[in-house]
């Protein structure tokens, strides 16, 4: 959990079989999603100039589709040893 306001509300009900882990504030490098968001541009979007907004959207969709076709890569990028309990 990244400390978003909706995650801190008392209305959030966590299932008994889940434990939330909240990284320290101002530490995006500890959030696995941040690494995925760095991986995508570095892999498929860097050093490019887009002719139009539509071309940018097309490139983003193509990069997203490439990423979701690589579940093992996503797991590898997002795995944090310290986040495993037990």
PDB file of N, CA and C in Angstrom:
ATOM      1  N   UNK A   1       0.852  -1.173   0.000  1.00  0.00           N
ATOM      2  CA  UNK A   1       0.000   0.000   0.000  1.00  0.00           C
ATOM      3  C   UNK A   1       0.894   1.231   0.000  1.00  0.00           C
ATOM      4  N   UNK A   2       0.507   2.229  -0.757  1.00  0.00           N
ATOM      5  CA  UNK A   2       1.391   3.375  -0.940  1.00  0.00           C
ATOM      6  C   UNK A   2       0.983   4.611  -0.142  1.00  0.00           C
ATOM      7  N   UNK A   3       0.195   4.418   0.886  1.00  0.00           N
ATOM      8  CA  UNK A   3      -0.231   5.492   1.792  1.00  0.00           C
ATOM      9  C   UNK A   3      -1.207   6.479   1.155  1.00  0.00           C
ATOM     10  N   UNK A   4      -1.914   6.047   0.136  1.00  0.00           N
ATOM     11  CA  UNK A   4      -2.959   6.896  -0.426  1.00  0.00           C
ATOM     12  C   UNK A   4      -4.043   7.088   0.635  1.00  0.00           C
ATOM     13  N   UNK A   5      -4.721   8.202   0.590  1.00  0.00           N
ATOM     14  CA  UNK A   5      -5.706   8.523   1.621  1.00  0.00           C
ATOM     15  C   UNK A   5      -6.775   7.445   1.770  1.00  0.00           C
ATOM     16  N   UNK A   6      -7.219   6.890   0.648  1.00  0.00           N
ATOM     17  CA  UNK A   6      -8.282   5.882   0.726  1.00  0.00           C
ATOM     18  C   UNK A   6      -7.804   4.616   1.428  1.00  0.00           C
ATOM     19  N   UNK A   7      -6.496   4.395   1.497  1.00  0.00           N
ATOM     20  CA  UNK A   7      -5.966   3.204   2.157  1.00  0.00           C
ATOM     21  C   UNK A   7      -5.882   3.384   3.672  1.00  0.00           C
ATOM     22  N   UNK A   8      -5.935   4.617   4.128  1.00  0.00           N
ATOM     23  CA  UNK A   8      -5.799   4.891   5.554  1.00  0.00           C
ATOM     24  C   UNK A   8      -7.150   5.035   6.259  1.00  0.00           C
ATOM     25  N   UNK A   9      -8.232   4.979   5.515  1.00  0.00           N
ATOM     26  CA  UNK A   9      -9.545   5.162   6.109  1.00  0.00           C
ATOM     27  C   UNK A   9      -9.938   3.955   6.957  1.00  0.00           C
ATOM     28  N   UNK A  10     -10.696   4.200   7.988  1.00  0.00           N
ATOM     29  CA  UNK A  10     -11.177   3.107   8.833  1.00  0.00           C
ATOM     30  C   UNK A  10     -12.228   2.274   8.120  1.00  0.00           C
ATOM     31  N   UNK A  11     -12.733   2.764   6.992  1.00  0.00           N
ATOM     32  CA  UNK A  11     -13.735   2.032   6.224  1.00  0.00           C
ATOM     33  C   UNK A  11     -13.132   0.916   5.373  1.00  0.00           C
ATOM     34  N   UNK A  12     -11.799   0.934   5.216  1.00  0.00           N
ATOM     35  CA  UNK A  12     -11.143  -0.104   4.432  1.00  0.00           C
ATOM     36  C   UNK A  12     -11.120  -1.393   5.243  1.00  0.00           C
ATOM     37  N   UNK A  13     -11.696  -2.435   4.697  1.00  0.00           N
ATOM     38  CA  UNK A  13     -11.752  -3.727   5.373  1.00  0.00           C
ATOM     39  C   UNK A  13     -10.758  -4.664   4.693  1.00  0.00           C
ATOM     40  N   UNK A  14      -9.782  -5.113   5.456  1.00  0.00           N
ATOM     41  CA  UNK A  14      -8.781  -6.034   4.923  1.00  0.00           C
ATOM     42  C   UNK A  14      -9.229  -7.463   5.214  1.00  0.00           C
ATOM     43  N   UNK A  15      -9.118  -8.357   4.250  1.00  0.00           N
ATOM     44  CA  UNK A  15      -9.429  -9.769   4.503  1.00  0.00           C
ATOM     45  C   UNK A  15      -8.483 -10.335   5.560  1.00  0.00           C
ATOM     46  N   UNK A  16      -8.946 -11.330   6.304  1.00  0.00           N
ATOM     47  CA  UNK A  16      -8.145 -11.920   7.374  1.00  0.00           C
ATOM     48  C   UNK A  16      -6.855 -12.556   6.869  1.00  0.00           C
ATOM     49  N   UNK A  17      -6.847 -12.975   5.611  1.00  0.00           N
ATOM     50  CA  UNK A  17      -5.672 -13.661   5.081  1.00  0.00           C
ATOM     51  C   UNK A  17      -4.688 -12.706   4.390  1.00  0.00           C
ATOM     52  N   UNK A  18      -4.866 -11.397   4.581  1.00  0.00           N
ATOM     53  CA  UNK A  18      -3.961 -10.404   3.987  1.00  0.00           C
ATOM     54  C   UNK A  18      -3.381  -9.511   5.067  1.00  0.00           C
ATOM     55  N   UNK A  19      -2.142  -9.116   4.864  1.00  0.00           N
ATOM     56  CA  UNK A  19      -1.478  -8.170   5.754  1.00  0.00           C
ATOM     57  C   UNK A  19      -1.024  -7.000   4.908  1.00  0.00           C
ATOM     58  N   UNK A  20      -1.341  -5.799   5.328  1.00  0.00           N
ATOM     59  CA  UNK A  20      -0.890  -4.644   4.544  1.00  0.00           C
ATOM     60  C   UNK A  20       0.514  -4.256   4.993  1.00  0.00           C
ATOM     61  N   UNK A  21       1.309  -3.876   4.017  1.00  0.00           N
ATOM     62  CA  UNK A  21       2.656  -3.389   4.283  1.00  0.00           C
ATOM     63  C   UNK A  21       2.705  -1.973   3.743  1.00  0.00           C
ATOM     64  N   UNK A  22       3.027  -1.033   4.603  1.00  0.00           N
ATOM     65  CA  UNK A  22       3.078   0.367   4.191  1.00  0.00           C
ATOM     66  C   UNK A  22       4.535   0.831   4.202  1.00  0.00           C
ATOM     67  N   UNK A  23       5.091   1.122   3.046  1.00  0.00           N
ATOM     68  CA  UNK A  23       6.474   1.598   3.007  1.00  0.00           C
ATOM     69  C   UNK A  23       6.578   2.984   3.631  1.00  0.00           C
ATOM     70  N   UNK A  24       7.772   3.369   4.033  1.00  0.00           N
ATOM     71  CA  UNK A  24       7.946   4.711   4.594  1.00  0.00           C
ATOM     72  C   UNK A  24       7.505   5.778   3.595  1.00  0.00           C
ATOM     73  N   UNK A  25       7.066   6.900   4.106  1.00  0.00           N
ATOM     74  CA  UNK A  25       6.655   8.003   3.241  1.00  0.00           C
ATOM     75  C   UNK A  25       7.830   8.460   2.383  1.00  0.00           C
ATOM     76  N   UNK A  26       7.531   8.950   1.212  1.00  0.00           N
ATOM     77  CA  UNK A  26       8.524   9.500   0.288  1.00  0.00           C
ATOM     78  C   UNK A  26       9.589   8.471  -0.101  1.00  0.00           C
ATOM     79  N   UNK A  27       9.157   7.250  -0.351  1.00  0.00           N
ATOM     80  CA  UNK A  27      10.099   6.205  -0.757  1.00  0.00           C
ATOM     81  C   UNK A  27       9.534   5.416  -1.937  1.00  0.00           C
ATOM     82  N   UNK A  28       9.366   6.073  -3.083  1.00  0.00           N
ATOM     83  CA  UNK A  28       8.757   5.388  -4.224  1.00  0.00           C
ATOM     84  C   UNK A  28       9.559   4.177  -4.695  1.00  0.00           C
ATOM     85  N   UNK A  29      10.857   4.164  -4.420  1.00  0.00           N
ATOM     86  CA  UNK A  29      11.671   3.031  -4.875  1.00  0.00           C
ATOM     87  C   UNK A  29      11.289   1.740  -4.163  1.00  0.00           C
ATOM     88  N   UNK A  30      10.571   1.835  -3.048  1.00  0.00           N
ATOM     89  CA  UNK A  30      10.126   0.643  -2.334  1.00  0.00           C
ATOM     90  C   UNK A  30       8.786   0.122  -2.848  1.00  0.00           C
ATOM     91  N   UNK A  31       8.138   0.871  -3.703  1.00  0.00           N
ATOM     92  CA  UNK A  31       6.852   0.468  -4.252  1.00  0.00           C
ATOM     93  C   UNK A  31       7.111  -0.256  -5.573  1.00  0.00           C
ATOM     94  N   UNK A  32       6.815  -1.559  -5.647  1.00  0.00           N
ATOM     95  CA  UNK A  32       7.098  -2.323  -6.866  1.00  0.00           C
ATOM     96  C   UNK A  32       6.482  -1.732  -8.128  1.00  0.00           C
ATOM     97  N   UNK A  33       5.349  -1.075  -8.005  1.00  0.00           N
ATOM     98  CA  UNK A  33       4.702  -0.497  -9.181  1.00  0.00           C
ATOM     99  C   UNK A  33       5.587   0.585  -9.800  1.00  0.00           C
ATOM    100  N   UNK A  34       6.309   1.317  -8.973  1.00  0.00           N
ATOM    101  CA  UNK A  34       7.196   2.353  -9.495  1.00  0.00           C
ATOM    102  C   UNK A  34       8.244   1.753 -10.429  1.00  0.00           C
ATOM    103  N   UNK A  35       8.728   0.567 -10.092  1.00  0.00           N
ATOM    104  CA  UNK A  35       9.727  -0.071 -10.954  1.00  0.00           C
ATOM    105  C   UNK A  35       9.121  -0.501 -12.283  1.00  0.00           C
ATOM    106  N   UNK A  36       7.872  -0.924 -12.262  1.00  0.00           N
ATOM    107  CA  UNK A  36       7.187  -1.289 -13.508  1.00  0.00           C
ATOM    108  C   UNK A  36       7.012  -0.041 -14.365  1.00  0.00           C
ATOM    109  N   UNK A  37       6.663   1.075 -13.724  1.00  0.00           N
ATOM    110  CA  UNK A  37       6.473   2.315 -14.468  1.00  0.00           C
ATOM    111  C   UNK A  37       7.785   2.846 -15.035  1.00  0.00           C
ATOM    112  N   UNK A  38       8.906   2.458 -14.464  1.00  0.00           N
ATOM    113  CA  UNK A  38      10.210   2.818 -15.026  1.00  0.00           C
ATOM    114  C   UNK A  38      10.615   1.835 -16.131  1.00  0.00           C
ATOM    115  N   UNK A  39      10.235   0.586 -15.969  1.00  0.00           N
ATOM    116  CA  UNK A  39      10.604  -0.447 -16.938  1.00  0.00           C
ATOM    117  C   UNK A  39       9.966  -0.194 -18.301  1.00  0.00           C
ATOM    118  N   UNK A  40       8.696   0.161 -18.304  1.00  0.00           N
ATOM    119  CA  UNK A  40       7.989   0.357 -19.575  1.00  0.00           C
ATOM    120  C   UNK A  40       8.640   1.414 -20.460  1.00  0.00           C
ATOM    121  N   UNK A  41       8.852   2.626 -19.963  1.00  0.00           N
ATOM    122  CA  UNK A  41       9.475   3.618 -20.842  1.00  0.00           C
ATOM    123  C   UNK A  41      10.893   3.226 -21.252  1.00  0.00           C
ATOM    124  N   UNK A  42      11.654   2.678 -20.308  1.00  0.00           N
ATOM    125  CA  UNK A  42      13.027   2.306 -20.626  1.00  0.00           C
ATOM    126  C   UNK A  42      13.069   1.215 -21.689  1.00  0.00           C
ATOM    127  N   UNK A  43      12.079   0.351 -21.712  1.00  0.00           N
ATOM    128  CA  UNK A  43      12.075  -0.775 -22.646  1.00  0.00           C
ATOM    129  C   UNK A  43      11.470  -0.443 -24.008  1.00  0.00           C
ATOM    130  N   UNK A  44      10.416   0.381 -24.021  1.00  0.00           N
ATOM    131  CA  UNK A  44       9.686   0.547 -25.273  1.00  0.00           C
ATOM    132  C   UNK A  44       9.365   1.987 -25.665  1.00  0.00           C
ATOM    133  N   UNK A  45       9.608   2.939 -24.795  1.00  0.00           N
ATOM    134  CA  UNK A  45       9.136   4.288 -25.100  1.00  0.00           C
ATOM    135  C   UNK A  45      10.222   5.363 -25.113  1.00  0.00           C
ATOM    136  N   UNK A  46      11.421   5.044 -24.682  1.00  0.00           N
ATOM    137  CA  UNK A  46      12.446   6.084 -24.560  1.00  0.00           C
ATOM    138  C   UNK A  46      13.024   6.477 -25.917  1.00  0.00           C
ATOM    139  N   UNK A  47      13.575   7.673 -25.972  1.00  0.00           N
ATOM    140  CA  UNK A  47      14.264   8.201 -27.149  1.00  0.00           C
ATOM    141  C   UNK A  47      13.373   8.205 -28.396  1.00  0.00           C
ATOM    142  N   UNK A  48      12.131   8.615 -28.182  1.00  0.00           N
ATOM    143  CA  UNK A  48      11.197   8.681 -29.307  1.00  0.00           C
ATOM    144  C   UNK A  48      10.490  10.030 -29.296  1.00  0.00           C
ATOM    145  N   UNK A  49      10.144  10.490 -30.465  1.00  0.00           N
ATOM    146  CA  UNK A  49       9.329  11.689 -30.616  1.00  0.00           C
ATOM    147  C   UNK A  49       8.046  11.239 -31.298  1.00  0.00           C
ATOM    148  N   UNK A  50       6.933  11.650 -30.749  1.00  0.00           N
ATOM    149  CA  UNK A  50       5.642  11.219 -31.269  1.00  0.00           C
ATOM    150  C   UNK A  50       5.047  12.328 -32.127  1.00  0.00           C
ATOM    151  N   UNK A  51       4.542  11.944 -33.259  1.00  0.00           N
ATOM    152  CA  UNK A  51       4.000  12.904 -34.227  1.00  0.00           C
ATOM    153  C   UNK A  51       2.719  13.570 -33.741  1.00  0.00           C
ATOM    154  N   UNK A  52       1.972  12.860 -32.891  1.00  0.00           N
ATOM    155  CA  UNK A  52       0.687  13.394 -32.446  1.00  0.00           C
ATOM    156  C   UNK A  52       0.301  12.743 -31.124  1.00  0.00           C
ATOM    157  N   UNK A  53      -0.733  13.276 -30.546  1.00  0.00           N
ATOM    158  CA  UNK A  53      -1.278  12.698 -29.322  1.00  0.00           C
ATOM    159  C   UNK A  53      -1.724  11.260 -29.572  1.00  0.00           C
ATOM    160  N   UNK A  54      -2.376  11.039 -30.687  1.00  0.00           N
ATOM    161  CA  UNK A  54      -2.835   9.686 -31.027  1.00  0.00           C
ATOM    162  C   UNK A  54      -1.665   8.712 -31.179  1.00  0.00           C
ATOM    163  N   UNK A  55      -0.562   9.187 -31.740  1.00  0.00           N
ATOM    164  CA  UNK A  55       0.624   8.333 -31.873  1.00  0.00           C
ATOM    165  C   UNK A  55       1.182   7.977 -30.500  1.00  0.00           C
ATOM    166  N   UNK A  56       1.146   8.924 -29.589  1.00  0.00           N
ATOM    167  CA  UNK A  56       1.592   8.663 -28.220  1.00  0.00           C
ATOM    168  C   UNK A  56       0.701   7.619 -27.553  1.00  0.00           C
ATOM    169  N   UNK A  57      -0.600   7.791 -27.668  1.00  0.00           N
ATOM    170  CA  UNK A  57      -1.544   6.837 -27.079  1.00  0.00           C
ATOM    171  C   UNK A  57      -1.340   5.450 -27.678  1.00  0.00           C
ATOM    172  N   UNK A  58      -1.148   5.379 -28.986  1.00  0.00           N
ATOM    173  CA  UNK A  58      -0.903   4.088 -29.642  1.00  0.00           C
ATOM    174  C   UNK A  58       0.366   3.434 -29.099  1.00  0.00           C
ATOM    175  N   UNK A  59       1.421   4.219 -28.918  1.00  0.00           N
ATOM    176  CA  UNK A  59       2.683   3.675 -28.392  1.00  0.00           C
ATOM    177  C   UNK A  59       2.520   3.213 -26.951  1.00  0.00           C
ATOM    178  N   UNK A  60       1.775   3.953 -26.163  1.00  0.00           N
ATOM    179  CA  UNK A  60       1.524   3.552 -24.773  1.00  0.00           C
ATOM    180  C   UNK A  60       0.724   2.249 -24.719  1.00  0.00           C
ATOM    181  N   UNK A  61      -0.279   2.139 -25.550  1.00  0.00           N
ATOM    182  CA  UNK A  61      -1.088   0.912 -25.587  1.00  0.00           C
ATOM    183  C   UNK A  61      -0.238  -0.271 -26.045  1.00  0.00           C
ATOM    184  N   UNK A  62       0.608  -0.051 -27.030  1.00  0.00           N
ATOM    185  CA  UNK A  62       1.479  -1.116 -27.512  1.00  0.00           C
ATOM    186  C   UNK A  62       2.450  -1.555 -26.405  1.00  0.00           C
ATOM    187  N   UNK A  63       3.029  -0.587 -25.686  1.00  0.00           N
ATOM    188  CA  UNK A  63       3.943  -0.916 -24.588  1.00  0.00           C
ATOM    189  C   UNK A  63       3.201  -1.672 -23.489  1.00  0.00           C
ATOM    190  N   UNK A  64       1.995  -1.233 -23.169  1.00  0.00           N
ATOM    191  CA  UNK A  64       1.214  -1.917 -22.134  1.00  0.00           C
ATOM    192  C   UNK A  64       0.923  -3.362 -22.547  1.00  0.00           C
ATOM    193  N   UNK A  65       0.534  -3.565 -23.784  1.00  0.00           N
ATOM    194  CA  UNK A  65       0.243  -4.914 -24.264  1.00  0.00           C
ATOM    195  C   UNK A  65       1.484  -5.794 -24.258  1.00  0.00           C
ATOM    196  N   UNK A  66       2.630  -5.221 -24.584  1.00  0.00           N
ATOM    197  CA  UNK A  66       3.881  -5.983 -24.501  1.00  0.00           C
ATOM    198  C   UNK A  66       4.163  -6.377 -23.052  1.00  0.00           C
ATOM    199  N   UNK A  67       3.942  -5.439 -22.140  1.00  0.00           N
ATOM    200  CA  UNK A  67       4.203  -5.710 -20.725  1.00  0.00           C
ATOM    201  C   UNK A  67       3.293  -6.813 -20.192  1.00  0.00           C
ATOM    202  N   UNK A  68       1.999  -6.724 -20.451  1.00  0.00           N
ATOM    203  CA  UNK A  68       1.095  -7.722 -19.878  1.00  0.00           C
ATOM    204  C   UNK A  68       1.276  -9.099 -20.511  1.00  0.00           C
ATOM    205  N   UNK A  69       1.974  -9.155 -21.624  1.00  0.00           N
ATOM    206  CA  UNK A  69       2.286 -10.446 -22.237  1.00  0.00           C
ATOM    207  C   UNK A  69       3.493 -11.113 -21.573  1.00  0.00           C
ATOM    208  N   UNK A  70       4.091 -10.424 -20.590  1.00  0.00           N
ATOM    209  CA  UNK A  70       5.290 -10.930 -19.909  1.00  0.00           C
ATOM    210  C   UNK A  70       5.060 -11.059 -18.392  1.00  0.00           C
ATOM    211  N   UNK A  71       4.158 -11.943 -17.961  1.00  0.00           N
ATOM    212  CA  UNK A  71       3.855 -12.018 -16.527  1.00  0.00           C
ATOM    213  C   UNK A  71       5.072 -12.371 -15.674  1.00  0.00           C
ATOM    214  N   UNK A  72       5.966 -13.204 -16.176  1.00  0.00           N
ATOM    215  CA  UNK A  72       7.163 -13.535 -15.388  1.00  0.00           C
ATOM    216  C   UNK A  72       8.060 -12.314 -15.212  1.00  0.00           C
ATOM    217  N   UNK A  73       8.129 -11.482 -16.238  1.00  0.00           N
ATOM    218  CA  UNK A  73       8.929 -10.254 -16.138  1.00  0.00           C
ATOM    219  C   UNK A  73       8.309  -9.305 -15.121  1.00  0.00           C
ATOM    220  N   UNK A  74       6.990  -9.184 -15.146  1.00  0.00           N
ATOM    221  CA  UNK A  74       6.297  -8.325 -14.175  1.00  0.00           C
ATOM    222  C   UNK A  74       6.587  -8.813 -12.767  1.00  0.00           C
ATOM    223  N   UNK A  75       6.491 -10.109 -12.557  1.00  0.00           N
ATOM    224  CA  UNK A  75       6.763 -10.671 -11.236  1.00  0.00           C
ATOM    225  C   UNK A  75       8.201 -10.398 -10.821  1.00  0.00           C
ATOM    226  N   UNK A  76       9.121 -10.564 -11.743  1.00  0.00           N
ATOM    227  CA  UNK A  76      10.529 -10.327 -11.454  1.00  0.00           C
ATOM    228  C   UNK A  76      10.786  -8.869 -11.073  1.00  0.00           C
ATOM    229  N   UNK A  77      10.192  -7.946 -11.801  1.00  0.00           N
ATOM    230  CA  UNK A  77      10.382  -6.519 -11.529  1.00  0.00           C
ATOM    231  C   UNK A  77       9.751  -6.138 -10.197  1.00  0.00           C
ATOM    232  N   UNK A  78       8.595  -6.709  -9.913  1.00  0.00           N
ATOM    233  CA  UNK A  78       7.842  -6.305  -8.725  1.00  0.00           C
ATOM    234  C   UNK A  78       8.154  -7.062  -7.454  1.00  0.00           C
ATOM    235  N   UNK A  79       8.959  -8.102  -7.528  1.00  0.00           N
ATOM    236  CA  UNK A  79       9.230  -8.908  -6.337  1.00  0.00           C
ATOM    237  C   UNK A  79      10.134  -8.155  -5.366  1.00  0.00           C
ATOM    238  N   UNK A  80       9.755  -8.192  -4.123  1.00  0.00           N
ATOM    239  CA  UNK A  80      10.549  -7.591  -3.036  1.00  0.00           C
ATOM    240  C   UNK A  80      10.711  -8.651  -1.958  1.00  0.00           C
ATOM    241  N   UNK A  81      11.941  -9.062  -1.690  1.00  0.00           N
ATOM    242  CA  UNK A  81      12.179 -10.089  -0.692  1.00  0.00           C
ATOM    243  C   UNK A  81      11.627  -9.677   0.679  1.00  0.00           C
ATOM    244  N   UNK A  82      11.755  -8.395   1.030  1.00  0.00           N
ATOM    245  CA  UNK A  82      11.319  -7.940   2.346  1.00  0.00           C
ATOM    246  C   UNK A  82       9.794  -7.970   2.493  1.00  0.00           C
ATOM    247  N   UNK A  83       9.076  -8.109   1.405  1.00  0.00           N
ATOM    248  CA  UNK A  83       7.615  -8.088   1.454  1.00  0.00           C
ATOM    249  C   UNK A  83       7.014  -9.462   1.705  1.00  0.00           C
ATOM    250  N   UNK A  84       7.837 -10.481   1.767  1.00  0.00           N
ATOM    251  CA  UNK A  84       7.327 -11.844   1.978  1.00  0.00           C
ATOM    252  C   UNK A  84       7.281 -12.149   3.468  1.00  0.00           C
ATOM    253  N   UNK A  85       6.131 -12.560   3.932  1.00  0.00           N
ATOM    254  CA  UNK A  85       5.971 -12.929   5.346  1.00  0.00           C
ATOM    255  C   UNK A  85       6.119 -14.438   5.483  1.00  0.00           C
ATOM    256  N   UNK A  86       6.720 -14.846   6.585  1.00  0.00           N
ATOM    257  CA  UNK A  86       6.782 -16.264   6.892  1.00  0.00           C
ATOM    258  C   UNK A  86       7.898 -16.968   6.357  1.00  0.00           C
TER     259      UNK A  86
END
